[in-house]
Amino acid sequence: MADDFEELLKIIGIVAGIKILADAFQHMRGMTPEKNEINRLFTSGQYKASVVMSLIALENKLKILCQNVTSKNHSKDDFNTLIEILKENKVIDNEAYHQLHYFRNMRNSIFHSQRMVSRDEAQSLINLIFKIL
């Protein structure tokens, strides 16, 4: 009985070590905790939540960009204001401007409705947003 318990502890230790290594490798490949959580939500079938989380991560990234450009705190600015600040300061081009507005509209339609998100739609949106993040 004690041998079985010791063997189980060894296995748990090995599995924990593998998880720590896997997390480290993901971080080295550019996987942030936010991206890990988005992936976890997506793989568990929570497509709407994964899209919402990715859009929040995008909005946070825009706040940081605006702060770097203007040296002001933009934590309370809305998505639209952030996009306009980046456009005015020539941080983004016309194509990026329109794509960010698409993401803003998508966020609003998902946040403020019962709209469901399919697996394919979630995967497509998340892939686009991960390229920006």
C-alpha atoms as a PDB file:
ATOM      1  CA  MET A   1       0.000   0.000   0.000  1.00  0.00           C
ATOM      2  CA  ALA A   2       2.774   2.454   0.925  1.00  0.00           C
ATOM      3  CA  ASP A   3       4.632   1.544  -2.281  1.00  0.00           C
ATOM      4  CA  ASP A   4       1.535   2.331  -4.338  1.00  0.00           C
ATOM      5  CA  PHE A   5       1.193   5.684  -2.597  1.00  0.00           C
ATOM      6  CA  GLU A   6       4.861   6.534  -3.185  1.00  0.00           C
ATOM      7  CA  GLU A   7       4.519   5.544  -6.839  1.00  0.00           C
ATOM      8  CA  LEU A   8       1.437   7.758  -7.155  1.00  0.00           C
ATOM      9  CA  LEU A   9       3.341  10.687  -5.621  1.00  0.00           C
ATOM     10  CA  LYS A  10       6.176  10.167  -8.120  1.00  0.00           C
ATOM     11  CA  ILE A  11       3.721  10.202 -11.023  1.00  0.00           C
ATOM     12  CA  ILE A  12       2.050  13.359  -9.696  1.00  0.00           C
ATOM     13  CA  GLY A  13       5.471  14.994  -9.395  1.00  0.00           C
ATOM     14  CA  ILE A  14       6.381  14.018 -12.947  1.00  0.00           C
ATOM     15  CA  VAL A  15       3.076  15.325 -14.312  1.00  0.00           C
ATOM     16  CA  ALA A  16       3.487  18.596 -12.378  1.00  0.00           C
ATOM     17  CA  GLY A  17       7.024  18.958 -13.750  1.00  0.00           C
ATOM     18  CA  ILE A  18       5.809  18.369 -17.299  1.00  0.00           C
ATOM     19  CA  LYS A  19       3.073  21.003 -16.834  1.00  0.00           C
ATOM     20  CA  ILE A  20       5.622  23.539 -15.567  1.00  0.00           C
ATOM     21  CA  LEU A  21       7.844  22.843 -18.582  1.00  0.00           C
ATOM     22  CA  ALA A  22       4.913  23.056 -20.984  1.00  0.00           C
ATOM     23  CA  ASP A  23       3.874  26.416 -19.505  1.00  0.00           C
ATOM     24  CA  ALA A  24       7.444  27.697 -19.807  1.00  0.00           C
ATOM     25  CA  PHE A  25       7.669  26.601 -23.449  1.00  0.00           C
ATOM     26  CA  GLN A  26       4.329  28.233 -24.248  1.00  0.00           C
ATOM     27  CA  HIS A  27       5.499  31.479 -22.687  1.00  0.00           C
ATOM     28  CA  MET A  28       8.719  31.302 -24.729  1.00  0.00           C
ATOM     29  CA  ARG A  29       6.617  30.886 -27.896  1.00  0.00           C
ATOM     30  CA  GLY A  30       4.740  34.099 -27.081  1.00  0.00           C
ATOM     31  CA  MET A  31       1.862  32.554 -25.150  1.00  0.00           C
ATOM     32  CA  THR A  32       0.891  35.021 -22.437  1.00  0.00           C
ATOM     33  CA  PRO A  33      -1.418  34.134 -19.547  1.00  0.00           C
ATOM     34  CA  GLU A  34      -4.209  35.961 -21.431  1.00  0.00           C
ATOM     35  CA  LYS A  35      -3.650  33.874 -24.555  1.00  0.00           C
ATOM     36  CA  ASN A  36      -3.515  30.696 -22.465  1.00  0.00           C
ATOM     37  CA  GLU A  37      -6.876  31.548 -20.898  1.00  0.00           C
ATOM     38  CA  ILE A  38      -8.392  32.323 -24.301  1.00  0.00           C
ATOM     39  CA  ASN A  39      -7.139  28.977 -25.610  1.00  0.00           C
ATOM     40  CA  ARG A  40      -8.478  27.178 -22.531  1.00  0.00           C
ATOM     41  CA  LEU A  41     -11.921  28.722 -23.018  1.00  0.00           C
ATOM     42  CA  PHE A  42     -11.903  27.897 -26.729  1.00  0.00           C
ATOM     43  CA  THR A  43     -10.825  24.265 -26.302  1.00  0.00           C
ATOM     44  CA  SER A  44     -13.464  23.745 -23.615  1.00  0.00           C
ATOM     45  CA  GLY A  45     -16.157  24.801 -26.103  1.00  0.00           C
ATOM     46  CA  GLN A  46     -16.819  28.218 -24.579  1.00  0.00           C
ATOM     47  CA  TYR A  47     -16.558  30.025 -27.909  1.00  0.00           C
ATOM     48  CA  LYS A  48     -18.392  33.209 -26.961  1.00  0.00           C
ATOM     49  CA  ALA A  49     -16.325  33.595 -23.780  1.00  0.00           C
ATOM     50  CA  SER A  50     -13.085  33.017 -25.697  1.00  0.00           C
ATOM     51  CA  VAL A  51     -13.983  35.726 -28.223  1.00  0.00           C
ATOM     52  CA  VAL A  52     -15.016  38.143 -25.466  1.00  0.00           C
ATOM     53  CA  MET A  53     -11.737  37.501 -23.635  1.00  0.00           C
ATOM     54  CA  SER A  54      -9.695  38.051 -26.818  1.00  0.00           C
ATOM     55  CA  LEU A  55     -11.516  41.328 -27.545  1.00  0.00           C
ATOM     56  CA  ILE A  56     -10.867  42.521 -23.984  1.00  0.00           C
ATOM     57  CA  ALA A  57      -7.174  41.635 -24.429  1.00  0.00           C
ATOM     58  CA  LEU A  58      -7.157  43.638 -27.679  1.00  0.00           C
ATOM     59  CA  GLU A  59      -8.759  46.649 -26.012  1.00  0.00           C
ATOM     60  CA  ASN A  60      -6.170  46.471 -23.202  1.00  0.00           C
ATOM     61  CA  LYS A  61      -3.397  46.380 -25.811  1.00  0.00           C
ATOM     62  CA  LEU A  62      -4.839  49.514 -27.434  1.00  0.00           C
ATOM     63  CA  LYS A  63      -4.888  51.279 -24.051  1.00  0.00           C
ATOM     64  CA  ILE A  64      -1.192  50.527 -23.605  1.00  0.00           C
ATOM     65  CA  LEU A  65      -0.403  51.746 -27.130  1.00  0.00           C
ATOM     66  CA  CYS A  66      -2.307  54.984 -26.539  1.00  0.00           C
ATOM     67  CA  GLN A  67      -0.524  55.508 -23.230  1.00  0.00           C
ATOM     68  CA  ASN A  68       2.839  55.055 -24.943  1.00  0.00           C
ATOM     69  CA  VAL A  69       1.921  57.508 -27.694  1.00  0.00           C
ATOM     70  CA  THR A  70       0.337  60.276 -25.602  1.00  0.00           C
ATOM     71  CA  SER A  71       1.950  59.733 -22.176  1.00  0.00           C
ATOM     72  CA  LYS A  72      -1.558  59.973 -20.663  1.00  0.00           C
ATOM     73  CA  ASN A  73      -3.623  57.413 -18.806  1.00  0.00           C
ATOM     74  CA  HIS A  74      -6.270  55.922 -21.106  1.00  0.00           C
ATOM     75  CA  SER A  75      -7.638  53.275 -18.738  1.00  0.00           C
ATOM     76  CA  LYS A  76     -11.143  54.809 -18.812  1.00  0.00           C
ATOM     77  CA  ASP A  77     -11.306  55.498 -22.539  1.00  0.00           C
ATOM     78  CA  ASP A  78     -13.716  53.412 -24.581  1.00  0.00           C
ATOM     79  CA  PHE A  79     -12.734  51.237 -27.539  1.00  0.00           C
ATOM     80  CA  ASN A  80     -13.791  53.861 -30.107  1.00  0.00           C
ATOM     81  CA  THR A  81     -11.796  56.654 -28.435  1.00  0.00           C
ATOM     82  CA  LEU A  82      -8.693  54.460 -28.356  1.00  0.00           C
ATOM     83  CA  ILE A  83      -8.971  53.738 -32.078  1.00  0.00           C
ATOM     84  CA  GLU A  84      -9.396  57.439 -32.856  1.00  0.00           C
ATOM     85  CA  ILE A  85      -6.356  58.374 -30.742  1.00  0.00           C
ATOM     86  CA  LEU A  86      -4.224  55.840 -32.606  1.00  0.00           C
ATOM     87  CA  LYS A  87      -5.483  57.116 -35.972  1.00  0.00           C
ATOM     88  CA  GLU A  88      -4.912  60.785 -35.069  1.00  0.00           C
ATOM     89  CA  ASN A  89      -1.360  60.007 -33.960  1.00  0.00           C
ATOM     90  CA  LYS A  90      -0.692  58.010 -37.155  1.00  0.00           C
ATOM     91  CA  VAL A  91       0.011  54.801 -35.226  1.00  0.00           C
ATOM     92  CA  ILE A  92      -2.410  52.857 -37.425  1.00  0.00           C
ATOM     93  CA  ASP A  93      -3.173  53.082 -41.120  1.00  0.00           C
ATOM     94  CA  ASN A  94      -6.603  53.133 -42.768  1.00  0.00           C
ATOM     95  CA  GLU A  95      -6.800  49.349 -43.075  1.00  0.00           C
ATOM     96  CA  ALA A  96      -5.994  48.817 -39.383  1.00  0.00           C
ATOM     97  CA  TYR A  97      -8.437  51.583 -38.477  1.00  0.00           C
ATOM     98  CA  HIS A  98     -11.289  49.785 -40.244  1.00  0.00           C
ATOM     99  CA  GLN A  99     -10.271  46.383 -38.879  1.00  0.00           C
ATOM    100  CA  LEU A 100     -10.236  47.734 -35.313  1.00  0.00           C
ATOM    101  CA  HIS A 101     -13.696  49.229 -35.833  1.00  0.00           C
ATOM    102  CA  TYR A 102     -14.851  45.819 -37.083  1.00  0.00           C
ATOM    103  CA  PHE A 103     -13.546  44.258 -33.852  1.00  0.00           C
ATOM    104  CA  ARG A 104     -15.230  47.014 -31.814  1.00  0.00           C
ATOM    105  CA  ASN A 105     -18.557  46.379 -33.551  1.00  0.00           C
ATOM    106  CA  MET A 106     -18.125  42.637 -33.078  1.00  0.00           C
ATOM    107  CA  ARG A 107     -17.420  43.148 -29.376  1.00  0.00           C
ATOM    108  CA  ASN A 108     -20.513  45.313 -28.958  1.00  0.00           C
ATOM    109  CA  SER A 109     -22.761  42.858 -30.781  1.00  0.00           C
ATOM    110  CA  ILE A 110     -21.498  39.954 -28.672  1.00  0.00           C
ATOM    111  CA  PHE A 111     -21.449  41.822 -25.324  1.00  0.00           C
ATOM    112  CA  HIS A 112     -24.880  43.366 -25.628  1.00  0.00           C
ATOM    113  CA  SER A 113     -26.918  40.529 -27.082  1.00  0.00           C
ATOM    114  CA  GLN A 114     -27.653  36.861 -26.766  1.00  0.00           C
ATOM    115  CA  ARG A 115     -25.751  36.309 -30.007  1.00  0.00           C
ATOM    116  CA  MET A 116     -23.982  32.956 -30.098  1.00  0.00           C
ATOM    117  CA  VAL A 117     -20.545  32.438 -31.602  1.00  0.00           C
ATOM    118  CA  SER A 118     -19.752  29.346 -33.666  1.00  0.00           C
ATOM    119  CA  ARG A 119     -16.516  27.408 -33.314  1.00  0.00           C
ATOM    120  CA  ASP A 120     -15.310  28.506 -36.761  1.00  0.00           C
ATOM    121  CA  GLU A 121     -16.187  32.155 -36.149  1.00  0.00           C
ATOM    122  CA  ALA A 122     -14.421  32.108 -32.771  1.00  0.00           C
ATOM    123  CA  GLN A 123     -11.327  30.451 -34.200  1.00  0.00           C
ATOM    124  CA  SER A 124     -11.144  32.959 -37.063  1.00  0.00           C
ATOM    125  CA  LEU A 125     -11.549  35.997 -34.796  1.00  0.00           C
ATOM    126  CA  ILE A 126      -9.102  34.712 -32.187  1.00  0.00           C
ATOM    127  CA  ASN A 127      -6.475  33.980 -34.840  1.00  0.00           C
ATOM    128  CA  LEU A 128      -6.811  37.529 -36.206  1.00  0.00           C
ATOM    129  CA  ILE A 129      -6.591  39.068 -32.751  1.00  0.00           C
ATOM    130  CA  PHE A 130      -3.592  36.906 -31.748  1.00  0.00           C
ATOM    131  CA  LYS A 131      -1.720  38.334 -34.749  1.00  0.00           C
ATOM    132  CA  ILE A 132      -2.251  41.805 -33.278  1.00  0.00           C
ATOM    133  CA  LEU A 133      -1.439  40.842 -29.710  1.00  0.00           C
END
